[in-house]
């Protein structure tokens, strides 16, 4: 069998577990910044008024700080190789309605995952 070169790169990760917002509201911003440089991703997110953009921006900044802590010299040139938003647990509540019925209220949470890597290959 022919061996292929493994595309292993050092990744710098950050997570925000139990973010107080539904995952569907944050996912469009994760798709927007995926495979862009950190500088470009932060510049894109800065001008959106949405709260989901603020949450993702904080996670990207945290991953960049993790990279700087591990000795990366040009952290602005790192690339967002993974920007994933998963659904978290739900708080379930009951809203009493007319004629003895009850509606279920679901307060959704999300898990935000970001990984940065150095550009190349």
PDB file of N, CA and C in Angstrom:
ATOM      1  N   UNK A   1       0.837  -1.192   0.000  1.00  0.00           N
ATOM      2  CA  UNK A   1       0.000   0.000   0.000  1.00  0.00           C
ATOM      3  C   UNK A   1       0.875   1.246   0.000  1.00  0.00           C
ATOM      4  N   UNK A   2       0.483   2.197  -0.789  1.00  0.00           N
ATOM      5  CA  UNK A   2       1.232   3.444  -0.847  1.00  0.00           C
ATOM      6  C   UNK A   2       0.866   4.318   0.344  1.00  0.00           C
ATOM      7  N   UNK A   3       1.883   4.875   0.949  1.00  0.00           N
ATOM      8  CA  UNK A   3       1.632   5.755   2.078  1.00  0.00           C
ATOM      9  C   UNK A   3       1.435   7.173   1.572  1.00  0.00           C
ATOM     10  N   UNK A   4       0.473   7.853   2.156  1.00  0.00           N
ATOM     11  CA  UNK A   4       0.248   9.248   1.806  1.00  0.00           C
ATOM     12  C   UNK A   4       0.736  10.115   2.945  1.00  0.00           C
ATOM     13  N   UNK A   5       1.107  11.305   2.589  1.00  0.00           N
ATOM     14  CA  UNK A   5       1.589  12.245   3.590  1.00  0.00           C
ATOM     15  C   UNK A   5       0.411  12.701   4.448  1.00  0.00           C
ATOM     16  N   UNK A   6       0.575  12.624   5.735  1.00  0.00           N
ATOM     17  CA  UNK A   6      -0.498  12.993   6.657  1.00  0.00           C
ATOM     18  C   UNK A   6      -0.560  14.514   6.803  1.00  0.00           C
ATOM     19  N   UNK A   7      -1.728  15.100   6.604  1.00  0.00           N
ATOM     20  CA  UNK A   7      -1.822  16.569   6.703  1.00  0.00           C
ATOM     21  C   UNK A   7      -2.009  17.037   8.140  1.00  0.00           C
ATOM     22  N   UNK A   8      -1.173  16.519   9.041  1.00  0.00           N
ATOM     23  CA  UNK A   8      -1.296  16.910  10.442  1.00  0.00           C
ATOM     24  C   UNK A   8      -0.651  18.271  10.659  1.00  0.00           C
ATOM     25  N   UNK A   9      -1.447  19.176  11.169  1.00  0.00           N
ATOM     26  CA  UNK A   9      -0.946  20.499  11.521  1.00  0.00           C
ATOM     27  C   UNK A   9      -1.293  20.754  12.973  1.00  0.00           C
ATOM     28  N   UNK A  10      -0.528  21.592  13.604  1.00  0.00           N
ATOM     29  CA  UNK A  10      -0.845  21.960  14.971  1.00  0.00           C
ATOM     30  C   UNK A  10      -2.075  22.844  14.962  1.00  0.00           C
ATOM     31  N   UNK A  11      -3.065  22.459  15.732  1.00  0.00           N
ATOM     32  CA  UNK A  11      -4.286  23.258  15.815  1.00  0.00           C
ATOM     33  C   UNK A  11      -4.398  23.837  17.213  1.00  0.00           C
ATOM     34  N   UNK A  12      -4.986  24.998  17.260  1.00  0.00           N
ATOM     35  CA  UNK A  12      -5.213  25.706  18.517  1.00  0.00           C
ATOM     36  C   UNK A  12      -6.712  25.848  18.668  1.00  0.00           C
ATOM     37  N   UNK A  13      -7.252  25.297  19.739  1.00  0.00           N
ATOM     38  CA  UNK A  13      -8.690  25.174  19.880  1.00  0.00           C
ATOM     39  C   UNK A  13      -9.232  26.023  21.022  1.00  0.00           C
ATOM     40  N   UNK A  14     -10.514  26.338  20.899  1.00  0.00           N
ATOM     41  CA  UNK A  14     -11.261  26.977  21.981  1.00  0.00           C
ATOM     42  C   UNK A  14     -12.713  26.540  21.851  1.00  0.00           C
ATOM     43  N   UNK A  15     -13.385  26.451  22.974  1.00  0.00           N
ATOM     44  CA  UNK A  15     -14.775  26.009  23.004  1.00  0.00           C
ATOM     45  C   UNK A  15     -15.577  26.928  23.924  1.00  0.00           C
ATOM     46  N   UNK A  16     -16.820  27.076  23.607  1.00  0.00           N
ATOM     47  CA  UNK A  16     -17.765  27.725  24.520  1.00  0.00           C
ATOM     48  C   UNK A  16     -18.927  26.770  24.671  1.00  0.00           C
ATOM     49  N   UNK A  17     -18.944  26.097  25.792  1.00  0.00           N
ATOM     50  CA  UNK A  17     -20.014  25.150  26.057  1.00  0.00           C
ATOM     51  C   UNK A  17     -21.181  25.872  26.715  1.00  0.00           C
ATOM     52  N   UNK A  18     -22.382  25.427  26.440  1.00  0.00           N
ATOM     53  CA  UNK A  18     -23.610  25.948  27.032  1.00  0.00           C
ATOM     54  C   UNK A  18     -23.814  27.431  26.735  1.00  0.00           C
ATOM     55  N   UNK A  19     -23.529  27.835  25.500  1.00  0.00           N
ATOM     56  CA  UNK A  19     -23.788  29.220  25.093  1.00  0.00           C
ATOM     57  C   UNK A  19     -25.294  29.449  25.128  1.00  0.00           C
ATOM     58  N   UNK A  20     -25.699  30.571  25.669  1.00  0.00           N
ATOM     59  CA  UNK A  20     -27.111  30.840  25.929  1.00  0.00           C
ATOM     60  C   UNK A  20     -27.808  31.377  24.676  1.00  0.00           C
ATOM     61  N   UNK A  21     -27.805  30.540  23.626  1.00  0.00           N
ATOM     62  CA  UNK A  21     -28.456  30.892  22.374  1.00  0.00           C
ATOM     63  C   UNK A  21     -28.605  29.614  21.560  1.00  0.00           C
ATOM     64  N   UNK A  22     -29.630  29.545  20.755  1.00  0.00           N
ATOM     65  CA  UNK A  22     -29.838  28.368  19.927  1.00  0.00           C
ATOM     66  C   UNK A  22     -28.767  28.234  18.863  1.00  0.00           C
ATOM     67  N   UNK A  23     -28.432  26.999  18.520  1.00  0.00           N
ATOM     68  CA  UNK A  23     -27.360  26.747  17.562  1.00  0.00           C
ATOM     69  C   UNK A  23     -27.711  27.264  16.170  1.00  0.00           C
ATOM     70  N   UNK A  24     -28.985  27.244  15.812  1.00  0.00           N
ATOM     71  CA  UNK A  24     -29.387  27.688  14.463  1.00  0.00           C
ATOM     72  C   UNK A  24     -29.110  29.170  14.246  1.00  0.00           C
ATOM     73  N   UNK A  25     -29.047  29.944  15.307  1.00  0.00           N
ATOM     74  CA  UNK A  25     -28.791  31.379  15.170  1.00  0.00           C
ATOM     75  C   UNK A  25     -27.302  31.686  15.026  1.00  0.00           C
ATOM     76  N   UNK A  26     -26.444  30.750  15.425  1.00  0.00           N
ATOM     77  CA  UNK A  26     -24.999  30.987  15.381  1.00  0.00           C
ATOM     78  C   UNK A  26     -24.364  30.344  14.142  1.00  0.00           C
ATOM     79  N   UNK A  27     -24.958  29.272  13.631  1.00  0.00           N
ATOM     80  CA  UNK A  27     -24.367  28.526  12.511  1.00  0.00           C
ATOM     81  C   UNK A  27     -24.073  29.357  11.267  1.00  0.00           C
ATOM     82  N   UNK A  28     -24.936  30.289  10.850  1.00  0.00           N
ATOM     83  CA  UNK A  28     -24.576  31.073   9.650  1.00  0.00           C
ATOM     84  C   UNK A  28     -23.275  31.848   9.801  1.00  0.00           C
ATOM     85  N   UNK A  29     -22.974  32.297  11.001  1.00  0.00           N
ATOM     86  CA  UNK A  29     -21.724  33.035  11.222  1.00  0.00           C
ATOM     87  C   UNK A  29     -20.530  32.086  11.219  1.00  0.00           C
ATOM     88  N   UNK A  30     -20.730  30.860  11.693  1.00  0.00           N
ATOM     89  CA  UNK A  30     -19.656  29.867  11.647  1.00  0.00           C
ATOM     90  C   UNK A  30     -19.323  29.519  10.201  1.00  0.00           C
ATOM     91  N   UNK A  31     -20.343  29.406   9.344  1.00  0.00           N
ATOM     92  CA  UNK A  31     -20.095  29.130   7.931  1.00  0.00           C
ATOM     93  C   UNK A  31     -19.408  30.315   7.253  1.00  0.00           C
ATOM     94  N   UNK A  32     -19.699  31.507   7.724  1.00  0.00           N
ATOM     95  CA  UNK A  32     -19.130  32.718   7.135  1.00  0.00           C
ATOM     96  C   UNK A  32     -17.620  32.794   7.354  1.00  0.00           C
ATOM     97  N   UNK A  33     -17.146  32.390   8.529  1.00  0.00           N
ATOM     98  CA  UNK A  33     -15.730  32.584   8.863  1.00  0.00           C
ATOM     99  C   UNK A  33     -14.879  31.341   8.614  1.00  0.00           C
ATOM    100  N   UNK A  34     -15.491  30.219   8.283  1.00  0.00           N
ATOM    101  CA  UNK A  34     -14.730  28.988   8.074  1.00  0.00           C
ATOM    102  C   UNK A  34     -13.761  29.145   6.905  1.00  0.00           C
ATOM    103  N   UNK A  35     -12.511  28.703   7.088  1.00  0.00           N
ATOM    104  CA  UNK A  35     -11.420  28.742   6.101  1.00  0.00           C
ATOM    105  C   UNK A  35     -10.979  30.166   5.755  1.00  0.00           C
ATOM    106  N   UNK A  36     -11.184  31.102   6.652  1.00  0.00           N
ATOM    107  CA  UNK A  36     -10.672  32.459   6.479  1.00  0.00           C
ATOM    108  C   UNK A  36      -9.584  32.697   7.526  1.00  0.00           C
ATOM    109  N   UNK A  37      -8.747  33.695   7.292  1.00  0.00           N
ATOM    110  CA  UNK A  37      -7.740  34.021   8.296  1.00  0.00           C
ATOM    111  C   UNK A  37      -8.426  34.640   9.508  1.00  0.00           C
ATOM    112  N   UNK A  38      -7.751  34.596  10.640  1.00  0.00           N
ATOM    113  CA  UNK A  38      -8.331  35.119  11.876  1.00  0.00           C
ATOM    114  C   UNK A  38      -8.621  36.606  11.734  1.00  0.00           C
ATOM    115  N   UNK A  39      -7.700  37.329  11.131  1.00  0.00           N
ATOM    116  CA  UNK A  39      -7.887  38.766  10.959  1.00  0.00           C
ATOM    117  C   UNK A  39      -9.132  39.063  10.123  1.00  0.00           C
ATOM    118  N   UNK A  40      -9.300  38.325   9.042  1.00  0.00           N
ATOM    119  CA  UNK A  40     -10.451  38.520   8.161  1.00  0.00           C
ATOM    120  C   UNK A  40     -11.751  38.088   8.846  1.00  0.00           C
ATOM    121  N   UNK A  41     -11.697  36.989   9.596  1.00  0.00           N
ATOM    122  CA  UNK A  41     -12.891  36.494  10.286  1.00  0.00           C
ATOM    123  C   UNK A  41     -13.376  37.485  11.341  1.00  0.00           C
ATOM    124  N   UNK A  42     -12.448  38.028  12.120  1.00  0.00           N
ATOM    125  CA  UNK A  42     -12.836  39.006  13.141  1.00  0.00           C
ATOM    126  C   UNK A  42     -13.363  40.285  12.507  1.00  0.00           C
ATOM    127  N   UNK A  43     -12.782  40.663  11.383  1.00  0.00           N
ATOM    128  CA  UNK A  43     -13.250  41.855  10.675  1.00  0.00           C
ATOM    129  C   UNK A  43     -14.668  41.652  10.141  1.00  0.00           C
ATOM    130  N   UNK A  44     -14.971  40.459   9.641  1.00  0.00           N
ATOM    131  CA  UNK A  44     -16.322  40.167   9.155  1.00  0.00           C
ATOM    132  C   UNK A  44     -17.343  40.186  10.288  1.00  0.00           C
ATOM    133  N   UNK A  45     -17.000  39.564  11.404  1.00  0.00           N
ATOM    134  CA  UNK A  45     -17.958  39.445  12.510  1.00  0.00           C
ATOM    135  C   UNK A  45     -18.182  40.755  13.247  1.00  0.00           C
ATOM    136  N   UNK A  46     -17.189  41.637  13.188  1.00  0.00           N
ATOM    137  CA  UNK A  46     -17.263  42.880  13.963  1.00  0.00           C
ATOM    138  C   UNK A  46     -18.456  43.750  13.566  1.00  0.00           C
ATOM    139  N   UNK A  47     -18.868  43.698  12.315  1.00  0.00           N
ATOM    140  CA  UNK A  47     -19.890  44.621  11.837  1.00  0.00           C
ATOM    141  C   UNK A  47     -21.295  44.030  11.805  1.00  0.00           C
ATOM    142  N   UNK A  48     -21.457  42.809  12.298  1.00  0.00           N
ATOM    143  CA  UNK A  48     -22.803  42.234  12.404  1.00  0.00           C
ATOM    144  C   UNK A  48     -23.390  42.616  13.765  1.00  0.00           C
ATOM    145  N   UNK A  49     -24.654  43.037  13.805  1.00  0.00           N
ATOM    146  CA  UNK A  49     -25.246  43.428  15.083  1.00  0.00           C
ATOM    147  C   UNK A  49     -25.761  42.242  15.901  1.00  0.00           C
ATOM    148  N   UNK A  50     -25.678  41.028  15.364  1.00  0.00           N
ATOM    149  CA  UNK A  50     -26.266  39.871  16.021  1.00  0.00           C
ATOM    150  C   UNK A  50     -25.454  39.399  17.219  1.00  0.00           C
ATOM    151  N   UNK A  51     -26.159  38.882  18.204  1.00  0.00           N
ATOM    152  CA  UNK A  51     -25.499  38.378  19.397  1.00  0.00           C
ATOM    153  C   UNK A  51     -24.697  37.115  19.091  1.00  0.00           C
ATOM    154  N   UNK A  52     -25.149  36.316  18.142  1.00  0.00           N
ATOM    155  CA  UNK A  52     -24.413  35.119  17.752  1.00  0.00           C
ATOM    156  C   UNK A  52     -23.039  35.455  17.201  1.00  0.00           C
ATOM    157  N   UNK A  53     -22.925  36.567  16.499  1.00  0.00           N
ATOM    158  CA  UNK A  53     -21.626  37.008  15.976  1.00  0.00           C
ATOM    159  C   UNK A  53     -20.694  37.374  17.126  1.00  0.00           C
ATOM    160  N   UNK A  54     -21.224  37.983  18.182  1.00  0.00           N
ATOM    161  CA  UNK A  54     -20.398  38.335  19.341  1.00  0.00           C
ATOM    162  C   UNK A  54     -19.878  37.079  20.037  1.00  0.00           C
ATOM    163  N   UNK A  55     -20.742  36.073  20.194  1.00  0.00           N
ATOM    164  CA  UNK A  55     -20.327  34.835  20.860  1.00  0.00           C
ATOM    165  C   UNK A  55     -19.221  34.139  20.073  1.00  0.00           C
ATOM    166  N   UNK A  56     -19.383  34.038  18.761  1.00  0.00           N
ATOM    167  CA  UNK A  56     -18.375  33.384  17.922  1.00  0.00           C
ATOM    168  C   UNK A  56     -17.078  34.185  17.900  1.00  0.00           C
ATOM    169  N   UNK A  57     -17.194  35.495  17.901  1.00  0.00           N
ATOM    170  CA  UNK A  57     -16.011  36.357  17.912  1.00  0.00           C
ATOM    171  C   UNK A  57     -15.183  36.128  19.179  1.00  0.00           C
ATOM    172  N   UNK A  58     -15.848  35.976  20.305  1.00  0.00           N
ATOM    173  CA  UNK A  58     -15.134  35.735  21.561  1.00  0.00           C
ATOM    174  C   UNK A  58     -14.406  34.394  21.548  1.00  0.00           C
ATOM    175  N   UNK A  59     -15.024  33.380  20.950  1.00  0.00           N
ATOM    176  CA  UNK A  59     -14.384  32.064  20.899  1.00  0.00           C
ATOM    177  C   UNK A  59     -13.167  32.100  19.977  1.00  0.00           C
ATOM    178  N   UNK A  60     -13.266  32.819  18.866  1.00  0.00           N
ATOM    179  CA  UNK A  60     -12.121  32.939  17.955  1.00  0.00           C
ATOM    180  C   UNK A  60     -10.976  33.682  18.644  1.00  0.00           C
ATOM    181  N   UNK A  61     -11.303  34.729  19.382  1.00  0.00           N
ATOM    182  CA  UNK A  61     -10.265  35.461  20.120  1.00  0.00           C
ATOM    183  C   UNK A  61      -9.614  34.582  21.184  1.00  0.00           C
ATOM    184  N   UNK A  62     -10.407  33.721  21.809  1.00  0.00           N
ATOM    185  CA  UNK A  62      -9.865  32.810  22.812  1.00  0.00           C
ATOM    186  C   UNK A  62      -8.920  31.790  22.178  1.00  0.00           C
ATOM    187  N   UNK A  63      -9.300  31.260  21.025  1.00  0.00           N
ATOM    188  CA  UNK A  63      -8.417  30.314  20.325  1.00  0.00           C
ATOM    189  C   UNK A  63      -7.125  31.004  19.890  1.00  0.00           C
ATOM    190  N   UNK A  64      -7.231  32.261  19.468  1.00  0.00           N
ATOM    191  CA  UNK A  64      -6.044  33.010  19.077  1.00  0.00           C
ATOM    192  C   UNK A  64      -5.136  33.248  20.296  1.00  0.00           C
ATOM    193  N   UNK A  65      -5.735  33.531  21.442  1.00  0.00           N
ATOM    194  CA  UNK A  65      -4.951  33.713  22.663  1.00  0.00           C
ATOM    195  C   UNK A  65      -4.275  32.408  23.081  1.00  0.00           C
ATOM    196  N   UNK A  66      -4.949  31.276  22.867  1.00  0.00           N
ATOM    197  CA  UNK A  66      -4.335  29.977  23.151  1.00  0.00           C
ATOM    198  C   UNK A  66      -3.125  29.748  22.252  1.00  0.00           C
ATOM    199  N   UNK A  67      -3.225  30.179  20.995  1.00  0.00           N
ATOM    200  CA  UNK A  67      -2.099  30.032  20.070  1.00  0.00           C
ATOM    201  C   UNK A  67      -0.924  30.909  20.496  1.00  0.00           C
ATOM    202  N   UNK A  68      -1.215  32.132  20.899  1.00  0.00           N
ATOM    203  CA  UNK A  68      -0.149  33.039  21.352  1.00  0.00           C
ATOM    204  C   UNK A  68       0.521  32.478  22.601  1.00  0.00           C
ATOM    205  N   UNK A  69      -0.280  31.888  23.481  1.00  0.00           N
ATOM    206  CA  UNK A  69       0.254  31.307  24.708  1.00  0.00           C
ATOM    207  C   UNK A  69       1.191  30.141  24.412  1.00  0.00           C
ATOM    208  N   UNK A  70       0.930  29.432  23.304  1.00  0.00           N
ATOM    209  CA  UNK A  70       1.782  28.299  22.932  1.00  0.00           C
ATOM    210  C   UNK A  70       2.920  28.696  22.008  1.00  0.00           C
ATOM    211  N   UNK A  71       3.105  30.008  21.771  1.00  0.00           N
ATOM    212  CA  UNK A  71       4.303  30.478  21.089  1.00  0.00           C
ATOM    213  C   UNK A  71       4.167  30.809  19.621  1.00  0.00           C
ATOM    214  N   UNK A  72       2.968  30.979  19.112  1.00  0.00           N
ATOM    215  CA  UNK A  72       2.803  31.365  17.710  1.00  0.00           C
ATOM    216  C   UNK A  72       3.160  32.837  17.570  1.00  0.00           C
ATOM    217  N   UNK A  73       3.972  33.170  16.580  1.00  0.00           N
ATOM    218  CA  UNK A  73       4.423  34.550  16.428  1.00  0.00           C
ATOM    219  C   UNK A  73       3.418  35.425  15.686  1.00  0.00           C
ATOM    220  N   UNK A  74       2.848  34.933  14.603  1.00  0.00           N
ATOM    221  CA  UNK A  74       1.892  35.731  13.820  1.00  0.00           C
ATOM    222  C   UNK A  74       0.502  35.119  13.945  1.00  0.00           C
ATOM    223  N   UNK A  75      -0.143  35.417  15.051  1.00  0.00           N
ATOM    224  CA  UNK A  75      -1.453  34.812  15.327  1.00  0.00           C
ATOM    225  C   UNK A  75      -2.539  35.345  14.392  1.00  0.00           C
ATOM    226  N   UNK A  76      -2.361  36.543  13.830  1.00  0.00           N
ATOM    227  CA  UNK A  76      -3.359  37.120  12.935  1.00  0.00           C
ATOM    228  C   UNK A  76      -3.464  36.352  11.625  1.00  0.00           C
ATOM    229  N   UNK A  77      -2.402  35.611  11.266  1.00  0.00           N
ATOM    230  CA  UNK A  77      -2.377  34.897   9.990  1.00  0.00           C
ATOM    231  C   UNK A  77      -2.867  33.454  10.101  1.00  0.00           C
ATOM    232  N   UNK A  78      -3.287  33.025  11.289  1.00  0.00           N
ATOM    233  CA  UNK A  78      -3.833  31.682  11.437  1.00  0.00           C
ATOM    234  C   UNK A  78      -5.138  31.565  10.669  1.00  0.00           C
ATOM    235  N   UNK A  79      -5.494  30.353  10.286  1.00  0.00           N
ATOM    236  CA  UNK A  79      -6.700  30.102   9.498  1.00  0.00           C
ATOM    237  C   UNK A  79      -7.712  29.348  10.362  1.00  0.00           C
ATOM    238  N   UNK A  80      -8.965  29.723  10.248  1.00  0.00           N
ATOM    239  CA  UNK A  80     -10.040  29.032  10.972  1.00  0.00           C
ATOM    240  C   UNK A  80     -10.336  27.750  10.202  1.00  0.00           C
ATOM    241  N   UNK A  81      -9.807  26.621  10.674  1.00  0.00           N
ATOM    242  CA  UNK A  81     -10.006  25.354   9.969  1.00  0.00           C
ATOM    243  C   UNK A  81     -11.263  24.635  10.440  1.00  0.00           C
ATOM    244  N   UNK A  82     -11.739  24.964  11.620  1.00  0.00           N
ATOM    245  CA  UNK A  82     -12.978  24.358  12.118  1.00  0.00           C
ATOM    246  C   UNK A  82     -13.776  25.413  12.862  1.00  0.00           C
ATOM    247  N   UNK A  83     -15.007  25.589  12.456  1.00  0.00           N
ATOM    248  CA  UNK A  83     -15.952  26.458  13.173  1.00  0.00           C
ATOM    249  C   UNK A  83     -17.262  25.679  13.195  1.00  0.00           C
ATOM    250  N   UNK A  84     -17.543  25.067  14.310  1.00  0.00           N
ATOM    251  CA  UNK A  84     -18.675  24.161  14.416  1.00  0.00           C
ATOM    252  C   UNK A  84     -19.568  24.583  15.577  1.00  0.00           C
ATOM    253  N   UNK A  85     -20.867  24.531  15.365  1.00  0.00           N
ATOM    254  CA  UNK A  85     -21.831  24.856  16.415  1.00  0.00           C
ATOM    255  C   UNK A  85     -22.757  23.663  16.569  1.00  0.00           C
ATOM    256  N   UNK A  86     -22.721  23.049  17.734  1.00  0.00           N
ATOM    257  CA  UNK A  86     -23.567  21.897  18.030  1.00  0.00           C
ATOM    258  C   UNK A  86     -24.674  22.313  18.979  1.00  0.00           C
ATOM    259  N   UNK A  87     -25.769  21.613  18.918  1.00  0.00           N
ATOM    260  CA  UNK A  87     -26.859  21.863  19.845  1.00  0.00           C
ATOM    261  C   UNK A  87     -26.504  21.336  21.227  1.00  0.00           C
ATOM    262  N   UNK A  88     -26.856  22.089  22.221  1.00  0.00           N
ATOM    263  CA  UNK A  88     -26.618  21.671  23.598  1.00  0.00           C
ATOM    264  C   UNK A  88     -27.910  21.176  24.231  1.00  0.00           C
ATOM    265  N   UNK A  89     -27.932  21.079  25.530  1.00  0.00           N
ATOM    266  CA  UNK A  89     -29.161  20.638  26.197  1.00  0.00           C
ATOM    267  C   UNK A  89     -30.234  21.722  26.155  1.00  0.00           C
ATOM    268  N   UNK A  90     -31.444  21.328  26.502  1.00  0.00           N
ATOM    269  CA  UNK A  90     -32.564  22.274  26.506  1.00  0.00           C
ATOM    270  C   UNK A  90     -33.139  22.360  27.908  1.00  0.00           C
ATOM    271  N   UNK A  91     -33.524  23.573  28.291  1.00  0.00           N
ATOM    272  CA  UNK A  91     -34.316  23.742  29.511  1.00  0.00           C
ATOM    273  C   UNK A  91     -35.765  23.637  29.087  1.00  0.00           C
ATOM    274  N   UNK A  92     -36.508  22.744  29.696  1.00  0.00           N
ATOM    275  CA  UNK A  92     -37.898  22.557  29.302  1.00  0.00           C
ATOM    276  C   UNK A  92     -38.817  23.110  30.388  1.00  0.00           C
ATOM    277  N   UNK A  93     -39.767  23.919  29.963  1.00  0.00           N
ATOM    278  CA  UNK A  93     -40.735  24.534  30.874  1.00  0.00           C
ATOM    279  C   UNK A  93     -42.128  24.316  30.314  1.00  0.00           C
ATOM    280  N   UNK A  94     -43.116  24.424  31.162  1.00  0.00           N
ATOM    281  CA  UNK A  94     -44.507  24.269  30.768  1.00  0.00           C
ATOM    282  C   UNK A  94     -45.192  25.632  30.850  1.00  0.00           C
ATOM    283  N   UNK A  95     -45.903  25.989  29.779  1.00  0.00           N
ATOM    284  CA  UNK A  95     -46.683  27.226  29.745  1.00  0.00           C
ATOM    285  C   UNK A  95     -48.161  26.845  29.775  1.00  0.00           C
ATOM    286  N   UNK A  96     -48.866  27.124  30.859  1.00  0.00           N
ATOM    287  CA  UNK A  96     -50.275  26.759  30.917  1.00  0.00           C
ATOM    288  C   UNK A  96     -51.104  27.566  29.925  1.00  0.00           C
ATOM    289  N   UNK A  97     -52.012  26.869  29.240  1.00  0.00           N
ATOM    290  CA  UNK A  97     -52.853  27.507  28.238  1.00  0.00           C
ATOM    291  C   UNK A  97     -54.322  27.289  28.584  1.00  0.00           C
ATOM    292  N   UNK A  98     -55.172  27.779  27.729  1.00  0.00           N
ATOM    293  CA  UNK A  98     -56.610  27.703  27.967  1.00  0.00           C
ATOM    294  C   UNK A  98     -57.105  26.257  27.902  1.00  0.00           C
ATOM    295  N   UNK A  99     -58.211  25.988  28.577  1.00  0.00           N
ATOM    296  CA  UNK A  99     -58.900  24.700  28.584  1.00  0.00           C
ATOM    297  C   UNK A  99     -58.011  23.554  29.063  1.00  0.00           C
ATOM    298  N   UNK A 100     -57.142  23.833  30.011  1.00  0.00           N
ATOM    299  CA  UNK A 100     -56.337  22.778  30.627  1.00  0.00           C
ATOM    300  C   UNK A 100     -55.170  22.279  29.804  1.00  0.00           C
ATOM    301  N   UNK A 101     -54.872  22.931  28.684  1.00  0.00           N
ATOM    302  CA  UNK A 101     -53.740  22.492  27.868  1.00  0.00           C
ATOM    303  C   UNK A 101     -52.443  23.106  28.389  1.00  0.00           C
ATOM    304  N   UNK A 102     -51.332  22.591  27.894  1.00  0.00           N
ATOM    305  CA  UNK A 102     -50.028  23.119  28.266  1.00  0.00           C
ATOM    306  C   UNK A 102     -49.120  23.095  27.044  1.00  0.00           C
ATOM    307  N   UNK A 103     -48.375  24.188  26.841  1.00  0.00           N
ATOM    308  CA  UNK A 103     -47.399  24.254  25.761  1.00  0.00           C
ATOM    309  C   UNK A 103     -46.015  24.069  26.372  1.00  0.00           C
ATOM    310  N   UNK A 104     -45.170  23.368  25.627  1.00  0.00           N
ATOM    311  CA  UNK A 104     -43.812  23.132  26.082  1.00  0.00           C
ATOM    312  C   UNK A 104     -42.909  24.256  25.576  1.00  0.00           C
ATOM    313  N   UNK A 105     -42.173  24.880  26.476  1.00  0.00           N
ATOM    314  CA  UNK A 105     -41.207  25.920  26.113  1.00  0.00           C
ATOM    315  C   UNK A 105     -39.819  25.290  26.169  1.00  0.00           C
ATOM    316  N   UNK A 106     -39.086  25.404  25.079  1.00  0.00           N
ATOM    317  CA  UNK A 106     -37.726  24.857  25.022  1.00  0.00           C
ATOM    318  C   UNK A 106     -36.726  25.997  24.960  1.00  0.00           C
ATOM    319  N   UNK A 107     -35.892  26.129  25.981  1.00  0.00           N
ATOM    320  CA  UNK A 107     -34.828  27.129  25.993  1.00  0.00           C
ATOM    321  C   UNK A 107     -33.563  26.424  25.530  1.00  0.00           C
ATOM    322  N   UNK A 108     -33.118  26.729  24.327  1.00  0.00           N
ATOM    323  CA  UNK A 108     -32.019  25.984  23.719  1.00  0.00           C
ATOM    324  C   UNK A 108     -30.654  26.576  24.060  1.00  0.00           C
ATOM    325  N   UNK A 109     -29.669  25.705  24.166  1.00  0.00           N
ATOM    326  CA  UNK A 109     -28.285  26.090  24.401  1.00  0.00           C
ATOM    327  C   UNK A 109     -27.437  25.523  23.259  1.00  0.00           C
ATOM    328  N   UNK A 110     -26.213  26.013  23.123  1.00  0.00           N
ATOM    329  CA  UNK A 110     -25.345  25.575  22.032  1.00  0.00           C
ATOM    330  C   UNK A 110     -23.921  25.380  22.544  1.00  0.00           C
ATOM    331  N   UNK A 111     -23.174  24.558  21.825  1.00  0.00           N
ATOM    332  CA  UNK A 111     -21.742  24.383  22.071  1.00  0.00           C
ATOM    333  C   UNK A 111     -21.012  24.893  20.832  1.00  0.00           C
ATOM    334  N   UNK A 112     -20.100  25.857  21.027  1.00  0.00           N
ATOM    335  CA  UNK A 112     -19.352  26.456  19.918  1.00  0.00           C
ATOM    336  C   UNK A 112     -17.918  25.928  19.973  1.00  0.00           C
ATOM    337  N   UNK A 113     -17.430  25.397  18.845  1.00  0.00           N
ATOM    338  CA  UNK A 113     -16.072  24.856  18.751  1.00  0.00           C
ATOM    339  C   UNK A 113     -15.335  25.574  17.626  1.00  0.00           C
ATOM    340  N   UNK A 114     -14.112  26.041  17.925  1.00  0.00           N
ATOM    341  CA  UNK A 114     -13.293  26.722  16.922  1.00  0.00           C
ATOM    342  C   UNK A 114     -11.883  26.137  16.986  1.00  0.00           C
ATOM    343  N   UNK A 115     -11.301  25.868  15.816  1.00  0.00           N
ATOM    344  CA  UNK A 115      -9.909  25.404  15.734  1.00  0.00           C
ATOM    345  C   UNK A 115      -9.182  26.263  14.705  1.00  0.00           C
ATOM    346  N   UNK A 116      -7.998  26.708  15.082  1.00  0.00           N
ATOM    347  CA  UNK A 116      -7.150  27.516  14.205  1.00  0.00           C
ATOM    348  C   UNK A 116      -5.900  26.721  13.865  1.00  0.00           C
ATOM    349  N   UNK A 117      -5.362  26.926  12.673  1.00  0.00           N
ATOM    350  CA  UNK A 117      -4.118  26.269  12.265  1.00  0.00           C
ATOM    351  C   UNK A 117      -3.318  27.245  11.408  1.00  0.00           C
ATOM    352  N   UNK A 118      -2.036  26.950  11.311  1.00  0.00           N
ATOM    353  CA  UNK A 118      -1.166  27.794  10.500  1.00  0.00           C
ATOM    354  C   UNK A 118      -1.441  27.527   9.025  1.00  0.00           C
ATOM    355  N   UNK A 119      -1.382  28.556   8.177  1.00  0.00           N
ATOM    356  CA  UNK A 119      -1.661  28.348   6.745  1.00  0.00           C
ATOM    357  C   UNK A 119      -0.571  27.519   6.091  1.00  0.00           C
ATOM    358  N   UNK A 120      -0.949  26.857   5.031  1.00  0.00           N
ATOM    359  CA  UNK A 120       0.013  26.047   4.296  1.00  0.00           C
ATOM    360  C   UNK A 120      -0.654  24.796   3.775  1.00  0.00           C
ATOM    361  N   UNK A 121       0.034  24.040   2.996  1.00  0.00           N
ATOM    362  CA  UNK A 121      -0.377  22.763   2.413  1.00  0.00           C
ATOM    363  C   UNK A 121      -1.843  22.730   2.099  1.00  0.00           C
TER     364      UNK A 121
END
